[in-house]
N, C-alpha and C. Protein backbone atom coordinates (compact mmCIF):
# COMPACT_ATOMS: atom_id res chain seq x y z
N MET A 1 113.08 111.72 71.93
CA MET A 1 111.46 111.77 72.03
C MET A 1 111.02 111.81 73.54
N THR A 2 109.92 112.92 73.97
CA THR A 2 109.43 112.88 75.47
C THR A 2 108.40 111.40 75.80
N HIS A 3 108.48 111.30 77.05
CA HIS A 3 107.46 110.53 77.30
C HIS A 3 106.34 111.53 77.98
N THR A 4 105.21 110.55 77.37
CA THR A 4 103.65 111.80 77.95
C THR A 4 102.96 111.25 78.68
N GLY A 5 103.64 110.26 79.71
CA GLY A 5 102.50 109.98 80.16
C GLY A 5 101.79 108.14 79.46
N GLU A 6 102.51 108.19 77.99
CA GLU A 6 101.00 107.42 77.89
C GLU A 6 101.08 106.27 78.75
N GLN A 7 99.70 106.09 78.51
CA GLN A 7 99.64 104.22 79.04
C GLN A 7 98.27 103.64 78.53
N SER A 8 98.08 101.87 78.45
CA SER A 8 97.08 101.85 78.17
C SER A 8 96.09 101.21 78.46
N LEU A 9 94.88 101.76 78.09
CA LEU A 9 93.65 101.30 78.68
C LEU A 9 93.66 100.38 79.69
N ARG A 10 94.26 99.42 79.08
CA ARG A 10 94.46 97.57 80.06
C ARG A 10 94.76 97.69 81.48
N LEU A 11 95.70 99.20 81.61
CA LEU A 11 96.49 99.40 82.70
C LEU A 11 95.52 100.27 83.48
N VAL A 12 95.49 100.91 83.82
CA VAL A 12 94.15 101.99 84.28
C VAL A 12 92.45 101.22 84.42
N VAL A 13 92.05 100.43 83.82
CA VAL A 13 91.06 99.21 83.95
C VAL A 13 91.73 98.54 85.18
N GLU A 14 93.00 98.07 84.53
CA GLU A 14 93.26 96.61 86.73
C GLU A 14 93.43 97.70 87.24
N LYS A 15 93.84 99.21 87.67
CA LYS A 15 94.73 99.62 88.24
C LYS A 15 92.86 99.89 89.56
N TRP A 16 92.03 100.24 88.44
CA TRP A 16 90.75 101.37 89.62
C TRP A 16 89.55 100.06 89.35
N LEU A 17 89.69 99.09 89.05
CA LEU A 17 88.49 97.86 88.98
C LEU A 17 88.89 96.06 89.71
N GLY A 18 90.62 96.72 89.26
CA GLY A 18 91.14 95.76 90.40
C GLY A 18 91.05 94.26 89.18
N PHE A 19 90.75 94.33 88.04
CA PHE A 19 90.81 92.79 87.41
C PHE A 19 92.09 91.79 87.52
N ASN A 20 91.24 90.87 87.40
CA ASN A 20 92.22 90.35 87.48
C ASN A 20 91.76 88.30 86.36
N ARG A 21 92.21 88.10 86.11
CA ARG A 21 91.74 86.68 85.64
C ARG A 21 90.70 86.68 86.24
N LEU A 22 89.95 86.10 87.79
CA LEU A 22 88.90 85.74 87.73
C LEU A 22 87.98 86.55 87.41
N ARG A 23 88.00 87.81 87.81
CA ARG A 23 86.94 89.06 87.78
C ARG A 23 87.06 89.31 86.08
N ALA A 24 85.87 89.53 85.18
CA ALA A 24 85.97 89.85 84.05
C ALA A 24 85.65 91.51 83.83
N ALA A 25 85.89 91.67 82.79
CA ALA A 25 85.82 93.52 83.12
C ALA A 25 85.13 93.78 81.37
N ARG A 26 84.83 94.05 80.80
CA ARG A 26 84.23 94.57 79.75
C ARG A 26 83.86 96.28 79.53
N VAL A 27 84.28 96.08 77.84
CA VAL A 27 83.92 97.81 77.02
C VAL A 27 81.98 97.47 76.91
N THR A 28 81.42 98.31 77.55
CA THR A 28 79.87 98.41 77.12
C THR A 28 79.16 99.44 76.56
N ALA A 29 80.59 100.73 76.65
CA ALA A 29 79.95 102.07 75.65
C ALA A 29 81.15 102.22 75.01
N PHE A 30 81.41 102.61 74.08
CA PHE A 30 82.65 103.42 73.54
C PHE A 30 81.90 104.92 72.58
N ASP A 31 83.10 106.09 72.11
CA ASP A 31 82.19 106.96 71.43
C ASP A 31 83.37 108.25 71.60
N ARG A 32 82.38 109.26 71.12
CA ARG A 32 83.89 110.79 71.20
C ARG A 32 82.18 111.04 72.26
N THR A 33 83.47 112.37 72.97
CA THR A 33 82.18 113.68 73.52
C THR A 33 81.71 114.08 72.56
N ALA A 34 80.04 115.12 73.30
CA ALA A 34 79.93 115.51 72.44
C ALA A 34 81.09 117.36 71.80
N SER A 35 81.05 117.48 72.76
CA SER A 35 82.23 118.54 73.12
C SER A 35 83.68 118.36 72.99
N GLY A 36 84.08 118.72 71.78
CA GLY A 36 86.02 118.28 71.63
C GLY A 36 86.02 116.93 70.90
N GLY A 37 84.80 116.33 71.06
CA GLY A 37 85.22 114.73 70.54
C GLY A 37 86.57 114.09 70.86
N LYS A 38 86.64 113.92 71.87
CA LYS A 38 87.27 113.80 72.73
C LYS A 38 86.79 111.74 73.29
N ARG A 39 87.68 110.72 72.68
CA ARG A 39 87.46 109.08 73.40
C ARG A 39 87.07 109.14 75.17
N TYR A 40 86.54 108.33 74.64
CA TYR A 40 85.82 107.68 76.40
C TYR A 40 85.25 105.87 75.97
N VAL A 41 85.33 105.45 77.32
CA VAL A 41 85.02 104.09 76.95
C VAL A 41 84.53 104.14 78.16
N CYS A 42 83.09 103.05 78.62
CA CYS A 42 82.22 102.86 79.88
C CYS A 42 83.23 101.10 79.76
N VAL A 43 83.57 100.77 80.75
CA VAL A 43 83.99 99.48 81.62
C VAL A 43 83.32 99.06 82.35
N GLU A 44 82.85 97.77 82.44
CA GLU A 44 81.93 97.65 84.20
C GLU A 44 82.64 96.34 84.09
N THR A 45 82.24 95.75 85.11
CA THR A 45 82.55 94.10 85.79
C THR A 45 81.65 93.86 87.26
N MET A 46 81.67 93.39 87.74
CA MET A 46 80.62 93.03 88.68
C MET A 46 81.63 92.73 89.92
N HIS A 47 81.59 93.74 91.56
CA HIS A 47 81.78 93.48 92.37
C HIS A 47 80.80 93.41 93.24
N ASP A 48 81.80 92.10 94.28
CA ASP A 48 80.70 91.65 95.33
C ASP A 48 78.90 91.93 95.13
N GLY A 49 78.90 90.93 94.28
CA GLY A 49 77.90 90.75 93.24
C GLY A 49 76.56 92.35 92.98
N GLU A 50 77.15 93.17 92.55
CA GLU A 50 76.56 94.14 92.00
C GLU A 50 77.64 94.50 90.93
N LYS A 51 77.06 95.65 89.77
CA LYS A 51 77.67 96.36 89.24
C LYS A 51 77.97 97.09 89.13
N LEU A 52 79.66 97.22 88.41
CA LEU A 52 80.48 98.36 88.96
C LEU A 52 80.87 99.17 87.50
N ALA A 53 80.42 100.02 87.24
CA ALA A 53 81.21 100.73 85.66
C ALA A 53 81.64 102.45 85.71
N LEU A 54 82.80 101.89 85.30
CA LEU A 54 84.25 103.63 85.55
C LEU A 54 83.75 103.97 83.53
N PHE A 55 84.05 105.21 84.33
CA PHE A 55 83.84 105.78 82.54
C PHE A 55 85.47 106.30 82.35
N PHE A 56 86.49 105.98 81.19
CA PHE A 56 87.59 106.39 81.12
C PHE A 56 87.99 107.16 79.84
N PHE A 57 88.51 108.27 80.14
CA PHE A 57 88.59 109.45 79.00
C PHE A 57 90.14 109.35 78.47
N ARG A 58 90.31 109.84 77.12
CA ARG A 58 91.23 110.08 76.65
C ARG A 58 92.09 111.48 76.74
N HIS A 59 92.88 111.44 77.36
CA HIS A 59 93.66 113.34 77.14
C HIS A 59 94.48 112.89 76.35
N ASP A 60 94.60 114.65 76.05
CA ASP A 60 95.84 114.49 74.88
C ASP A 60 96.90 113.89 75.10
N ASP A 61 97.69 113.67 76.02
CA ASP A 61 99.14 113.20 76.48
C ASP A 61 98.95 112.39 75.83
N GLY A 62 97.66 111.64 75.41
CA GLY A 62 97.56 110.08 75.87
C GLY A 62 97.28 108.99 76.73
N CYS A 63 96.53 109.65 78.05
CA CYS A 63 96.74 108.81 78.59
C CYS A 63 95.04 108.91 78.85
N TRP A 64 94.01 107.45 79.30
CA TRP A 64 92.83 107.46 79.93
C TRP A 64 92.99 107.73 81.56
N ARG A 65 91.91 108.58 81.52
CA ARG A 65 91.71 108.98 82.85
C ARG A 65 90.05 109.25 83.85
N VAL A 66 90.08 109.18 84.85
CA VAL A 66 88.71 108.61 84.96
C VAL A 66 87.62 110.07 84.51
N PHE A 67 88.89 111.03 84.55
CA PHE A 67 87.55 112.31 84.44
C PHE A 67 87.99 113.22 83.68
N PRO A 68 86.65 113.78 82.64
CA PRO A 68 86.99 114.17 81.50
C PRO A 68 88.46 115.54 81.31
N PRO A 69 88.68 115.31 80.14
CA PRO A 69 89.56 116.46 80.05
C PRO A 69 88.74 118.25 79.94
N ALA A 70 89.99 118.86 80.26
CA ALA A 70 89.47 119.96 79.88
C ALA A 70 88.91 120.72 78.35
N PRO A 71 88.09 121.59 78.89
CA PRO A 71 87.64 122.18 77.25
C PRO A 71 88.52 123.06 76.92
N THR A 72 88.91 122.45 75.73
CA THR A 72 89.82 122.89 74.84
C THR A 72 89.36 124.99 74.56
N LEU A 73 89.84 126.01 74.98
CA LEU A 73 89.04 127.40 74.75
C LEU A 73 89.98 128.44 73.55
N PRO A 74 89.02 129.23 73.00
CA PRO A 74 90.06 129.96 72.67
C PRO A 74 90.73 130.48 72.84
N GLU A 75 92.24 130.71 72.04
CA GLU A 75 93.28 131.37 72.51
C GLU A 75 93.51 132.67 71.67
N MET A 76 93.41 134.23 72.28
CA MET A 76 94.13 134.94 71.78
C MET A 76 95.66 135.07 72.09
N THR A 77 96.04 134.82 70.48
CA THR A 77 97.15 134.80 69.78
C THR A 77 98.56 136.36 69.72
N PRO A 78 99.26 136.71 69.41
CA PRO A 78 99.62 138.56 69.13
C PRO A 78 99.54 138.36 67.69
N GLU A 79 98.84 137.20 66.47
CA GLU A 79 98.51 137.21 65.16
C GLU A 79 96.72 137.50 65.29
N HIS A 80 96.30 137.53 66.45
CA HIS A 80 94.60 137.85 66.38
C HIS A 80 94.63 138.79 66.81
N LEU A 81 95.47 139.90 67.59
CA LEU A 81 95.60 141.09 67.83
C LEU A 81 96.38 141.68 67.13
N ALA A 82 96.78 141.67 65.93
CA ALA A 82 97.15 142.75 65.16
C ALA A 82 96.38 142.86 64.20
N ALA A 83 95.42 141.92 63.96
CA ALA A 83 94.43 142.22 62.97
C ALA A 83 93.60 143.31 63.35
């Protein structure tokens, strides 16, 4: 089995927002993108008295990242060229 780099959303949120038991973080929105149907989650927390929100996007390799996946573009394969 090959390693895809998959990691939990919790680990990524902890990395980006510095989550700990004293600072709560909560999911405020989740859905799929209009183009491509990729999953995303918005997580909010308070930092220095201000609300901080980040969007996390699920990529095809199973990783959650703060940038959206690249759109899937049509491909030309030999089967299409033979037609």
